[in-house]
Amino acid sequence: MTLLISVFAAIIATIVWYKNAPKDDWKVGTLALMYWGASLMWMCDAIFEYAELKEEFFQPAVADMINDSFLGLTVVALGLIIWLVVLLVKDPKGVLRAKFLAKKN
């Protein structure tokens, strides 16, 4: 489930990035790269887990699927938080910069 959730998040972020590709004001490309990196990590995890469990890999317990779903959603949420921090630090539209400069004067 972690792989599936992160791949869906990566695909959605990539589509949003591609629609606004010439100007990436919202830095969605960074978000898409984070999600694709997480997807690659979960793919490697799935390969090694399959090598260990063989056919049992395709018969997960319900509790394991729920835990994996929560982990996948947590990874997506953490990616969004990191993206928000990057967006606030880069401040592409200069909103925060203008706000802080207006208070100084």
PDB file of N, CA and C in Angstrom:
ATOM      1  N   MET A   1       0.811  -1.199   0.000  1.00  0.00           N
ATOM      2  CA  MET A   1       0.000   0.000   0.000  1.00  0.00           C
ATOM      3  C   MET A   1       0.856   1.266   0.000  1.00  0.00           C
ATOM      4  N   THR A   2       2.005   1.208   0.659  1.00  0.00           N
ATOM      5  CA  THR A   2       2.866   2.384   0.682  1.00  0.00           C
ATOM      6  C   THR A   2       3.328   2.738  -0.729  1.00  0.00           C
ATOM      7  N   LEU A   3       3.687   1.720  -1.488  1.00  0.00           N
ATOM      8  CA  LEU A   3       4.128   1.946  -2.867  1.00  0.00           C
ATOM      9  C   LEU A   3       2.987   2.522  -3.693  1.00  0.00           C
ATOM     10  N   LEU A   4       1.819   1.959  -3.566  1.00  0.00           N
ATOM     11  CA  LEU A   4       0.670   2.400  -4.338  1.00  0.00           C
ATOM     12  C   LEU A   4       0.291   3.854  -4.014  1.00  0.00           C
ATOM     13  N   ILE A   5       0.262   4.183  -2.746  1.00  0.00           N
ATOM     14  CA  ILE A   5      -0.103   5.542  -2.333  1.00  0.00           C
ATOM     15  C   ILE A   5       0.940   6.553  -2.806  1.00  0.00           C
ATOM     16  N   SER A   6       2.220   6.220  -2.659  1.00  0.00           N
ATOM     17  CA  SER A   6       3.253   7.173  -3.075  1.00  0.00           C
ATOM     18  C   SER A   6       3.312   7.316  -4.597  1.00  0.00           C
ATOM     19  N   VAL A   7       3.029   6.249  -5.338  1.00  0.00           N
ATOM     20  CA  VAL A   7       3.007   6.358  -6.801  1.00  0.00           C
ATOM     21  C   VAL A   7       1.839   7.233  -7.253  1.00  0.00           C
ATOM     22  N   PHE A   8       0.664   7.059  -6.642  1.00  0.00           N
ATOM     23  CA  PHE A   8      -0.465   7.922  -6.982  1.00  0.00           C
ATOM     24  C   PHE A   8      -0.161   9.379  -6.665  1.00  0.00           C
ATOM     25  N   ALA A   9       0.466   9.637  -5.519  1.00  0.00           N
ATOM     26  CA  ALA A   9       0.831  11.008  -5.163  1.00  0.00           C
ATOM     27  C   ALA A   9       1.842  11.564  -6.166  1.00  0.00           C
ATOM     28  N   ALA A  10       2.798  10.741  -6.590  1.00  0.00           N
ATOM     29  CA  ALA A  10       3.798  11.180  -7.559  1.00  0.00           C
ATOM     30  C   ALA A  10       3.164  11.484  -8.909  1.00  0.00           C
ATOM     31  N   ILE A  11       2.228  10.659  -9.336  1.00  0.00           N
ATOM     32  CA  ILE A  11       1.563  10.887 -10.617  1.00  0.00           C
ATOM     33  C   ILE A  11       0.737  12.174 -10.577  1.00  0.00           C
ATOM     34  N   ILE A  12      -0.002  12.377  -9.492  1.00  0.00           N
ATOM     35  CA  ILE A  12      -0.813  13.597  -9.371  1.00  0.00           C
ATOM     36  C   ILE A  12       0.080  14.835  -9.341  1.00  0.00           C
ATOM     37  N   ALA A  13       1.164  14.784  -8.564  1.00  0.00           N
ATOM     38  CA  ALA A  13       2.076  15.930  -8.491  1.00  0.00           C
ATOM     39  C   ALA A  13       2.735  16.189  -9.842  1.00  0.00           C
ATOM     40  N   THR A  14       3.061  15.130 -10.579  1.00  0.00           N
ATOM     41  CA  THR A  14       3.685  15.295 -11.890  1.00  0.00           C
ATOM     42  C   THR A  14       2.713  15.919 -12.887  1.00  0.00           C
ATOM     43  N   ILE A  15       1.453  15.502 -12.842  1.00  0.00           N
ATOM     44  CA  ILE A  15       0.450  16.080 -13.742  1.00  0.00           C
ATOM     45  C   ILE A  15       0.255  17.565 -13.443  1.00  0.00           C
ATOM     46  N   VAL A  16       0.167  17.907 -12.162  1.00  0.00           N
ATOM     47  CA  VAL A  16       0.015  19.320 -11.785  1.00  0.00           C
ATOM     48  C   VAL A  16       1.242  20.115 -12.211  1.00  0.00           C
ATOM     49  N   TRP A  17       2.431  19.551 -12.015  1.00  0.00           N
ATOM     50  CA  TRP A  17       3.661  20.232 -12.418  1.00  0.00           C
ATOM     51  C   TRP A  17       3.689  20.427 -13.938  1.00  0.00           C
ATOM     52  N   TYR A  18       3.294  19.386 -14.687  1.00  0.00           N
ATOM     53  CA  TYR A  18       3.366  19.451 -16.146  1.00  0.00           C
ATOM     54  C   TYR A  18       2.386  20.480 -16.712  1.00  0.00           C
ATOM     55  N   LYS A  19       1.226  20.610 -16.086  1.00  0.00           N
ATOM     56  CA  LYS A  19       0.253  21.602 -16.563  1.00  0.00           C
ATOM     57  C   LYS A  19       0.782  23.016 -16.397  1.00  0.00           C
ATOM     58  N   ASN A  20       1.626  23.245 -15.392  1.00  0.00           N
ATOM     59  CA  ASN A  20       2.184  24.577 -15.133  1.00  0.00           C
ATOM     60  C   ASN A  20       3.685  24.609 -15.402  1.00  0.00           C
ATOM     61  N   ALA A  21       4.158  23.781 -16.330  1.00  0.00           N
ATOM     62  CA  ALA A  21       5.592  23.561 -16.524  1.00  0.00           C
ATOM     63  C   ALA A  21       6.418  24.808 -16.848  1.00  0.00           C
ATOM     64  N   PRO A  22       6.014  25.677 -17.734  1.00  0.00           N
ATOM     65  CA  PRO A  22       6.923  26.787 -18.035  1.00  0.00           C
ATOM     66  C   PRO A  22       7.268  27.636 -16.816  1.00  0.00           C
ATOM     67  N   LYS A  23       6.291  27.900 -15.985  1.00  0.00           N
ATOM     68  CA  LYS A  23       6.577  28.671 -14.770  1.00  0.00           C
ATOM     69  C   LYS A  23       6.170  27.819 -13.566  1.00  0.00           C
ATOM     70  N   ASP A  24       7.134  27.470 -12.784  1.00  0.00           N
ATOM     71  CA  ASP A  24       6.899  26.603 -11.624  1.00  0.00           C
ATOM     72  C   ASP A  24       6.920  27.458 -10.363  1.00  0.00           C
ATOM     73  N   ASP A  25       5.981  28.399 -10.259  1.00  0.00           N
ATOM     74  CA  ASP A  25       5.936  29.303  -9.109  1.00  0.00           C
ATOM     75  C   ASP A  25       5.710  28.565  -7.799  1.00  0.00           C
ATOM     76  N   TRP A  26       4.930  27.513  -7.858  1.00  0.00           N
ATOM     77  CA  TRP A  26       4.577  26.785  -6.640  1.00  0.00           C
ATOM     78  C   TRP A  26       5.582  25.698  -6.292  1.00  0.00           C
ATOM     79  N   LYS A  27       6.632  25.532  -7.082  1.00  0.00           N
ATOM     80  CA  LYS A  27       7.672  24.527  -6.840  1.00  0.00           C
ATOM     81  C   LYS A  27       7.085  23.115  -6.740  1.00  0.00           C
ATOM     82  N   VAL A  28       6.088  22.816  -7.586  1.00  0.00           N
ATOM     83  CA  VAL A  28       5.463  21.495  -7.577  1.00  0.00           C
ATOM     84  C   VAL A  28       6.432  20.451  -8.113  1.00  0.00           C
ATOM     85  N   GLY A  29       7.398  20.868  -8.905  1.00  0.00           N
ATOM     86  CA  GLY A  29       8.416  19.935  -9.386  1.00  0.00           C
ATOM     87  C   GLY A  29       9.195  19.322  -8.242  1.00  0.00           C
ATOM     88  N   THR A  30       9.462  20.099  -7.219  1.00  0.00           N
ATOM     89  CA  THR A  30      10.149  19.580  -6.030  1.00  0.00           C
ATOM     90  C   THR A  30       9.292  18.540  -5.336  1.00  0.00           C
ATOM     91  N   LEU A  31       8.009  18.803  -5.225  1.00  0.00           N
ATOM     92  CA  LEU A  31       7.083  17.850  -4.605  1.00  0.00           C
ATOM     93  C   LEU A  31       7.021  16.564  -5.418  1.00  0.00           C
ATOM     94  N   ALA A  32       6.945  16.684  -6.729  1.00  0.00           N
ATOM     95  CA  ALA A  32       6.894  15.502  -7.591  1.00  0.00           C
ATOM     96  C   ALA A  32       8.167  14.671  -7.450  1.00  0.00           C
ATOM     97  N   LEU A  33       9.322  15.327  -7.401  1.00  0.00           N
ATOM     98  CA  LEU A  33      10.575  14.587  -7.238  1.00  0.00           C
ATOM     99  C   LEU A  33      10.647  13.872  -5.892  1.00  0.00           C
ATOM    100  N   MET A  34      10.136  14.509  -4.841  1.00  0.00           N
ATOM    101  CA  MET A  34      10.115  13.845  -3.528  1.00  0.00           C
ATOM    102  C   MET A  34       9.248  12.598  -3.576  1.00  0.00           C
ATOM    103  N   TYR A  35       8.085  12.702  -4.203  1.00  0.00           N
ATOM    104  CA  TYR A  35       7.186  11.546  -4.276  1.00  0.00           C
ATOM    105  C   TYR A  35       7.742  10.444  -5.175  1.00  0.00           C
ATOM    106  N   TRP A  36       8.406  10.814  -6.268  1.00  0.00           N
ATOM    107  CA  TRP A  36       9.020   9.786  -7.111  1.00  0.00           C
ATOM    108  C   TRP A  36      10.176   9.104  -6.373  1.00  0.00           C
ATOM    109  N   GLY A  37      10.916   9.861  -5.571  1.00  0.00           N
ATOM    110  CA  GLY A  37      11.972   9.261  -4.755  1.00  0.00           C
ATOM    111  C   GLY A  37      11.408   8.285  -3.731  1.00  0.00           C
ATOM    112  N   ALA A  38      10.304   8.673  -3.097  1.00  0.00           N
ATOM    113  CA  ALA A  38       9.658   7.779  -2.135  1.00  0.00           C
ATOM    114  C   ALA A  38       9.135   6.528  -2.843  1.00  0.00           C
ATOM    115  N   SER A  39       8.591   6.701  -4.043  1.00  0.00           N
ATOM    116  CA  SER A  39       8.094   5.553  -4.806  1.00  0.00           C
ATOM    117  C   SER A  39       9.222   4.595  -5.153  1.00  0.00           C
ATOM    118  N   LEU A  40      10.357   5.140  -5.540  1.00  0.00           N
ATOM    119  CA  LEU A  40      11.517   4.301  -5.841  1.00  0.00           C
ATOM    120  C   LEU A  40      11.982   3.548  -4.601  1.00  0.00           C
ATOM    121  N   MET A  41      11.979   4.224  -3.457  1.00  0.00           N
ATOM    122  CA  MET A  41      12.363   3.578  -2.207  1.00  0.00           C
ATOM    123  C   MET A  41      11.412   2.431  -1.879  1.00  0.00           C
ATOM    124  N   TRP A  42      10.093   2.664  -2.011  1.00  0.00           N
ATOM    125  CA  TRP A  42       9.124   1.608  -1.699  1.00  0.00           C
ATOM    126  C   TRP A  42       9.204   0.479  -2.717  1.00  0.00           C
ATOM    127  N   MET A  43       9.574   0.781  -3.961  1.00  0.00           N
ATOM    128  CA  MET A  43       9.744  -0.275  -4.965  1.00  0.00           C
ATOM    129  C   MET A  43      10.898  -1.196  -4.587  1.00  0.00           C
ATOM    130  N   CYS A  44      12.007  -0.608  -4.153  1.00  0.00           N
ATOM    131  CA  CYS A  44      13.143  -1.431  -3.693  1.00  0.00           C
ATOM    132  C   CYS A  44      12.746  -2.265  -2.480  1.00  0.00           C
ATOM    133  N   ASP A  45      11.982  -1.672  -1.572  1.00  0.00           N
ATOM    134  CA  ASP A  45      11.501  -2.400  -0.404  1.00  0.00           C
ATOM    135  C   ASP A  45      10.621  -3.571  -0.824  1.00  0.00           C
ATOM    136  N   ALA A  46       9.734  -3.360  -1.791  1.00  0.00           N
ATOM    137  CA  ALA A  46       8.848  -4.425  -2.257  1.00  0.00           C
ATOM    138  C   ALA A  46       9.630  -5.547  -2.927  1.00  0.00           C
ATOM    139  N   ILE A  47      10.663  -5.206  -3.674  1.00  0.00           N
ATOM    140  CA  ILE A  47      11.479  -6.230  -4.334  1.00  0.00           C
ATOM    141  C   ILE A  47      12.177  -7.101  -3.299  1.00  0.00           C
ATOM    142  N   PHE A  48      12.779  -6.480  -2.304  1.00  0.00           N
ATOM    143  CA  PHE A  48      13.474  -7.268  -1.277  1.00  0.00           C
ATOM    144  C   PHE A  48      12.492  -8.067  -0.416  1.00  0.00           C
ATOM    145  N   GLU A  49      11.316  -7.495  -0.153  1.00  0.00           N
ATOM    146  CA  GLU A  49      10.321  -8.226   0.626  1.00  0.00           C
ATOM    147  C   GLU A  49       9.793  -9.420  -0.172  1.00  0.00           C
ATOM    148  N   TYR A  50       9.604  -9.255  -1.475  1.00  0.00           N
ATOM    149  CA  TYR A  50       9.172 -10.371  -2.305  1.00  0.00           C
ATOM    150  C   TYR A  50      10.234 -11.458  -2.344  1.00  0.00           C
ATOM    151  N   ALA A  51      11.504 -11.071  -2.420  1.00  0.00           N
ATOM    152  CA  ALA A  51      12.588 -12.051  -2.437  1.00  0.00           C
ATOM    153  C   ALA A  51      12.608 -12.860  -1.146  1.00  0.00           C
ATOM    154  N   GLU A  52      12.190 -12.248  -0.056  1.00  0.00           N
ATOM    155  CA  GLU A  52      12.186 -12.934   1.237  1.00  0.00           C
ATOM    156  C   GLU A  52      10.936 -13.801   1.428  1.00  0.00           C
ATOM    157  N   LEU A  53       9.767 -13.289   1.050  1.00  0.00           N
ATOM    158  CA  LEU A  53       8.508 -13.975   1.358  1.00  0.00           C
ATOM    159  C   LEU A  53       7.975 -14.848   0.225  1.00  0.00           C
ATOM    160  N   LYS A  54       8.395 -14.632  -0.987  1.00  0.00           N
ATOM    161  CA  LYS A  54       7.904 -15.325  -2.187  1.00  0.00           C
ATOM    162  C   LYS A  54       6.389 -15.142  -2.331  1.00  0.00           C
ATOM    163  N   GLU A  55       5.618 -16.252  -2.426  1.00  0.00           N
ATOM    164  CA  GLU A  55       4.180 -16.140  -2.698  1.00  0.00           C
ATOM    165  C   GLU A  55       3.391 -15.543  -1.532  1.00  0.00           C
ATOM    166  N   GLU A  56       3.929 -15.568  -0.332  1.00  0.00           N
ATOM    167  CA  GLU A  56       3.241 -14.959   0.813  1.00  0.00           C
ATOM    168  C   GLU A  56       3.173 -13.431   0.672  1.00  0.00           C
ATOM    169  N   PHE A  57       4.013 -12.889  -0.165  1.00  0.00           N
ATOM    170  CA  PHE A  57       4.022 -11.451  -0.404  1.00  0.00           C
ATOM    171  C   PHE A  57       2.672 -10.972  -0.932  1.00  0.00           C
ATOM    172  N   PHE A  58       1.984 -11.835  -1.696  1.00  0.00           N
ATOM    173  CA  PHE A  58       0.726 -11.446  -2.324  1.00  0.00           C
ATOM    174  C   PHE A  58      -0.491 -11.741  -1.459  1.00  0.00           C
ATOM    175  N   GLN A  59      -0.272 -12.202  -0.222  1.00  0.00           N
ATOM    176  CA  GLN A  59      -1.369 -12.491   0.700  1.00  0.00           C
ATOM    177  C   GLN A  59      -1.135 -11.790   2.035  1.00  0.00           C
ATOM    178  N   PRO A  60      -1.134 -10.445   2.030  1.00  0.00           N
ATOM    179  CA  PRO A  60      -0.861  -9.743   3.284  1.00  0.00           C
ATOM    180  C   PRO A  60      -2.068  -9.801   4.228  1.00  0.00           C
ATOM    181  N   ALA A  61      -1.777  -9.720   5.507  1.00  0.00           N
ATOM    182  CA  ALA A  61      -2.838  -9.670   6.506  1.00  0.00           C
ATOM    183  C   ALA A  61      -3.501  -8.293   6.471  1.00  0.00           C
ATOM    184  N   VAL A  62      -4.735  -8.231   6.920  1.00  0.00           N
ATOM    185  CA  VAL A  62      -5.476  -6.965   6.916  1.00  0.00           C
ATOM    186  C   VAL A  62      -4.772  -5.928   7.795  1.00  0.00           C
ATOM    187  N   ALA A  63      -4.263  -6.363   8.942  1.00  0.00           N
ATOM    188  CA  ALA A  63      -3.564  -5.434   9.842  1.00  0.00           C
ATOM    189  C   ALA A  63      -2.321  -4.854   9.167  1.00  0.00           C
ATOM    190  N   ASP A  64      -1.605  -5.677   8.407  1.00  0.00           N
ATOM    191  CA  ASP A  64      -0.420  -5.197   7.692  1.00  0.00           C
ATOM    192  C   ASP A  64      -0.806  -4.180   6.613  1.00  0.00           C
ATOM    193  N   MET A  65      -1.925  -4.425   5.939  1.00  0.00           N
ATOM    194  CA  MET A  65      -2.370  -3.487   4.909  1.00  0.00           C
ATOM    195  C   MET A  65      -2.789  -2.151   5.521  1.00  0.00           C
ATOM    196  N   ILE A  66      -3.432  -2.200   6.676  1.00  0.00           N
ATOM    197  CA  ILE A  66      -3.830  -0.961   7.349  1.00  0.00           C
ATOM    198  C   ILE A  66      -2.598  -0.189   7.807  1.00  0.00           C
ATOM    199  N   ASN A  67      -1.624  -0.892   8.385  1.00  0.00           N
ATOM    200  CA  ASN A  67      -0.382  -0.234   8.809  1.00  0.00           C
ATOM    201  C   ASN A  67       0.353   0.368   7.625  1.00  0.00           C
ATOM    202  N   ASP A  68       0.412  -0.362   6.513  1.00  0.00           N
ATOM    203  CA  ASP A  68       1.068   0.161   5.315  1.00  0.00           C
ATOM    204  C   ASP A  68       0.328   1.379   4.760  1.00  0.00           C
ATOM    205  N   SER A  69      -0.990   1.367   4.842  1.00  0.00           N
ATOM    206  CA  SER A  69      -1.774   2.517   4.371  1.00  0.00           C
ATOM    207  C   SER A  69      -1.479   3.754   5.215  1.00  0.00           C
ATOM    208  N   PHE A  70      -1.443   3.574   6.536  1.00  0.00           N
ATOM    209  CA  PHE A  70      -1.115   4.702   7.410  1.00  0.00           C
ATOM    210  C   PHE A  70       0.295   5.210   7.140  1.00  0.00           C
ATOM    211  N   LEU A  71       1.228   4.304   6.907  1.00  0.00           N
ATOM    212  CA  LEU A  71       2.597   4.710   6.603  1.00  0.00           C
ATOM    213  C   LEU A  71       2.653   5.471   5.284  1.00  0.00           C
ATOM    214  N   GLY A  72       1.925   5.002   4.274  1.00  0.00           N
ATOM    215  CA  GLY A  72       1.894   5.684   2.991  1.00  0.00           C
ATOM    216  C   GLY A  72       1.299   7.080   3.099  1.00  0.00           C
ATOM    217  N   LEU A  73       0.200   7.202   3.837  1.00  0.00           N
ATOM    218  CA  LEU A  73      -0.413   8.518   4.029  1.00  0.00           C
ATOM    219  C   LEU A  73       0.496   9.438   4.834  1.00  0.00           C
ATOM    220  N   THR A  74       1.236   8.876   5.788  1.00  0.00           N
ATOM    221  CA  THR A  74       2.184   9.671   6.563  1.00  0.00           C
ATOM    222  C   THR A  74       3.308  10.190   5.675  1.00  0.00           C
ATOM    223  N   VAL A  75       3.780   9.366   4.765  1.00  0.00           N
ATOM    224  CA  VAL A  75       4.836   9.789   3.839  1.00  0.00           C
ATOM    225  C   VAL A  75       4.326  10.913   2.935  1.00  0.00           C
ATOM    226  N   VAL A  76       3.103  10.791   2.456  1.00  0.00           N
ATOM    227  CA  VAL A  76       2.523  11.840   1.613  1.00  0.00           C
ATOM    228  C   VAL A  76       2.383  13.138   2.409  1.00  0.00           C
ATOM    229  N   ALA A  77       1.907  13.035   3.650  1.00  0.00           N
ATOM    230  CA  ALA A  77       1.759  14.226   4.492  1.00  0.00           C
ATOM    231  C   ALA A  77       3.111  14.863   4.798  1.00  0.00           C
ATOM    232  N   LEU A  78       4.113  14.047   5.095  1.00  0.00           N
ATOM    233  CA  LEU A  78       5.448  14.576   5.369  1.00  0.00           C
ATOM    234  C   LEU A  78       6.027  15.257   4.130  1.00  0.00           C
ATOM    235  N   GLY A  79       5.785  14.674   2.955  1.00  0.00           N
ATOM    236  CA  GLY A  79       6.220  15.313   1.715  1.00  0.00           C
ATOM    237  C   GLY A  79       5.565  16.664   1.517  1.00  0.00           C
ATOM    238  N   LEU A  80       4.275  16.758   1.839  1.00  0.00           N
ATOM    239  CA  LEU A  80       3.574  18.043   1.731  1.00  0.00           C
ATOM    240  C   LEU A  80       4.129  19.066   2.716  1.00  0.00           C
ATOM    241  N   ILE A  81       4.461  18.631   3.915  1.00  0.00           N
ATOM    242  CA  ILE A  81       5.032  19.550   4.914  1.00  0.00           C
ATOM    243  C   ILE A  81       6.387  20.062   4.455  1.00  0.00           C
ATOM    244  N   ILE A  82       7.234  19.167   3.963  1.00  0.00           N
ATOM    245  CA  ILE A  82       8.551  19.580   3.474  1.00  0.00           C
ATOM    246  C   ILE A  82       8.401  20.530   2.292  1.00  0.00           C
ATOM    247  N   TRP A  83       7.457  20.226   1.394  1.00  0.00           N
ATOM    248  CA  TRP A  83       7.208  21.096   0.246  1.00  0.00           C
ATOM    249  C   TRP A  83       6.749  22.472   0.696  1.00  0.00           C
ATOM    250  N   LEU A  84       5.893  22.530   1.701  1.00  0.00           N
ATOM    251  CA  LEU A  84       5.442  23.819   2.226  1.00  0.00           C
ATOM    252  C   LEU A  84       6.590  24.623   2.801  1.00  0.00           C
ATOM    253  N   VAL A  85       7.483  23.965   3.517  1.00  0.00           N
ATOM    254  CA  VAL A  85       8.648  24.659   4.078  1.00  0.00           C
ATOM    255  C   VAL A  85       9.531  25.197   2.951  1.00  0.00           C
ATOM    256  N   VAL A  86       9.771  24.381   1.935  1.00  0.00           N
ATOM    257  CA  VAL A  86      10.566  24.829   0.782  1.00  0.00           C
ATOM    258  C   VAL A  86       9.885  26.019   0.108  1.00  0.00           C
ATOM    259  N   LEU A  87       8.575  25.934  -0.044  1.00  0.00           N
ATOM    260  CA  LEU A  87       7.827  27.020  -0.680  1.00  0.00           C
ATOM    261  C   LEU A  87       7.915  28.307   0.132  1.00  0.00           C
ATOM    262  N   LEU A  88       7.817  28.195   1.450  1.00  0.00           N
ATOM    263  CA  LEU A  88       7.906  29.387   2.286  1.00  0.00           C
ATOM    264  C   LEU A  88       9.318  29.969   2.306  1.00  0.00           C
ATOM    265  N   VAL A  89      10.334  29.112   2.274  1.00  0.00           N
ATOM    266  CA  VAL A  89      11.721  29.597   2.272  1.00  0.00           C
ATOM    267  C   VAL A  89      12.054  30.268   0.942  1.00  0.00           C
ATOM    268  N   LYS A  90      11.657  29.648  -0.167  1.00  0.00           N
ATOM    269  CA  LYS A  90      11.947  30.222  -1.495  1.00  0.00           C
ATOM    270  C   LYS A  90      11.096  31.458  -1.754  1.00  0.00           C
ATOM    271  N   ASP A  91       9.883  31.486  -1.250  1.00  0.00           N
ATOM    272  CA  ASP A  91       8.954  32.614  -1.382  1.00  0.00           C
ATOM    273  C   ASP A  91       8.933  33.145  -2.817  1.00  0.00           C
ATOM    274  N   PRO A  92       8.450  32.329  -3.781  1.00  0.00           N
ATOM    275  CA  PRO A  92       8.539  32.712  -5.191  1.00  0.00           C
ATOM    276  C   PRO A  92       7.748  33.964  -5.562  1.00  0.00           C
ATOM    277  N   LYS A  93       6.693  34.259  -4.875  1.00  0.00           N
ATOM    278  CA  LYS A  93       5.912  35.459  -5.196  1.00  0.00           C
ATOM    279  C   LYS A  93       6.291  36.648  -4.333  1.00  0.00           C
ATOM    280  N   GLY A  94       7.206  36.464  -3.402  1.00  0.00           N
ATOM    281  CA  GLY A  94       7.689  37.549  -2.570  1.00  0.00           C
ATOM    282  C   GLY A  94       6.696  38.041  -1.529  1.00  0.00           C
ATOM    283  N   VAL A  95       5.740  37.230  -1.182  1.00  0.00           N
ATOM    284  CA  VAL A  95       4.709  37.643  -0.221  1.00  0.00           C
ATOM    285  C   VAL A  95       5.306  37.839   1.167  1.00  0.00           C
ATOM    286  N   LEU A  96       6.050  36.854   1.638  1.00  0.00           N
ATOM    287  CA  LEU A  96       6.644  36.967   2.971  1.00  0.00           C
ATOM    288  C   LEU A  96       7.682  38.085   3.029  1.00  0.00           C
ATOM    289  N   ARG A  97       8.472  38.215   1.979  1.00  0.00           N
ATOM    290  CA  ARG A  97       9.481  39.266   1.927  1.00  0.00           C
ATOM    291  C   ARG A  97       8.827  40.644   2.024  1.00  0.00           C
ATOM    292  N   ALA A  98       7.755  40.836   1.288  1.00  0.00           N
ATOM    293  CA  ALA A  98       7.041  42.122   1.316  1.00  0.00           C
ATOM    294  C   ALA A  98       6.420  42.356   2.694  1.00  0.00           C
ATOM    295  N   LYS A  99       5.912  41.314   3.303  1.00  0.00           N
ATOM    296  CA  LYS A  99       5.285  41.448   4.608  1.00  0.00           C
ATOM    297  C   LYS A  99       6.306  41.853   5.658  1.00  0.00           C
ATOM    298  N   PHE A 100       7.484  41.225   5.639  1.00  0.00           N
ATOM    299  CA  PHE A 100       8.516  41.550   6.623  1.00  0.00           C
ATOM    300  C   PHE A 100       9.118  42.919   6.369  1.00  0.00           C
ATOM    301  N   LEU A 101       9.291  43.310   5.121  1.00  0.00           N
ATOM    302  CA  LEU A 101       9.842  44.630   4.812  1.00  0.00           C
ATOM    303  C   LEU A 101       8.838  45.730   5.160  1.00  0.00           C
ATOM    304  N   ALA A 102       7.564  45.455   5.036  1.00  0.00           N
ATOM    305  CA  ALA A 102       6.549  46.457   5.378  1.00  0.00           C
ATOM    306  C   ALA A 102       6.516  46.705   6.876  1.00  0.00           C
ATOM    307  N   LYS A 103       6.777  45.688   7.676  1.00  0.00           N
ATOM    308  CA  LYS A 103       6.791  45.858   9.141  1.00  0.00           C
ATOM    309  C   LYS A 103       8.017  46.607   9.611  1.00  0.00           C
ATOM    310  N   LYS A 104       9.135  46.473   8.910  1.00  0.00           N
ATOM    311  CA  LYS A 104      10.363  47.170   9.301  1.00  0.00           C
ATOM    312  C   LYS A 104      10.257  48.662   9.083  1.00  0.00           C
ATOM    313  N   ASN A 105       9.602  49.060   8.009  1.00  0.00           N
ATOM    314  CA  ASN A 105       9.514  50.491   7.677  1.00  0.00           C
ATOM    315  C   ASN A 105       8.478  51.173   8.450  1.00  0.00           C
TER     316      ASN A 105
END
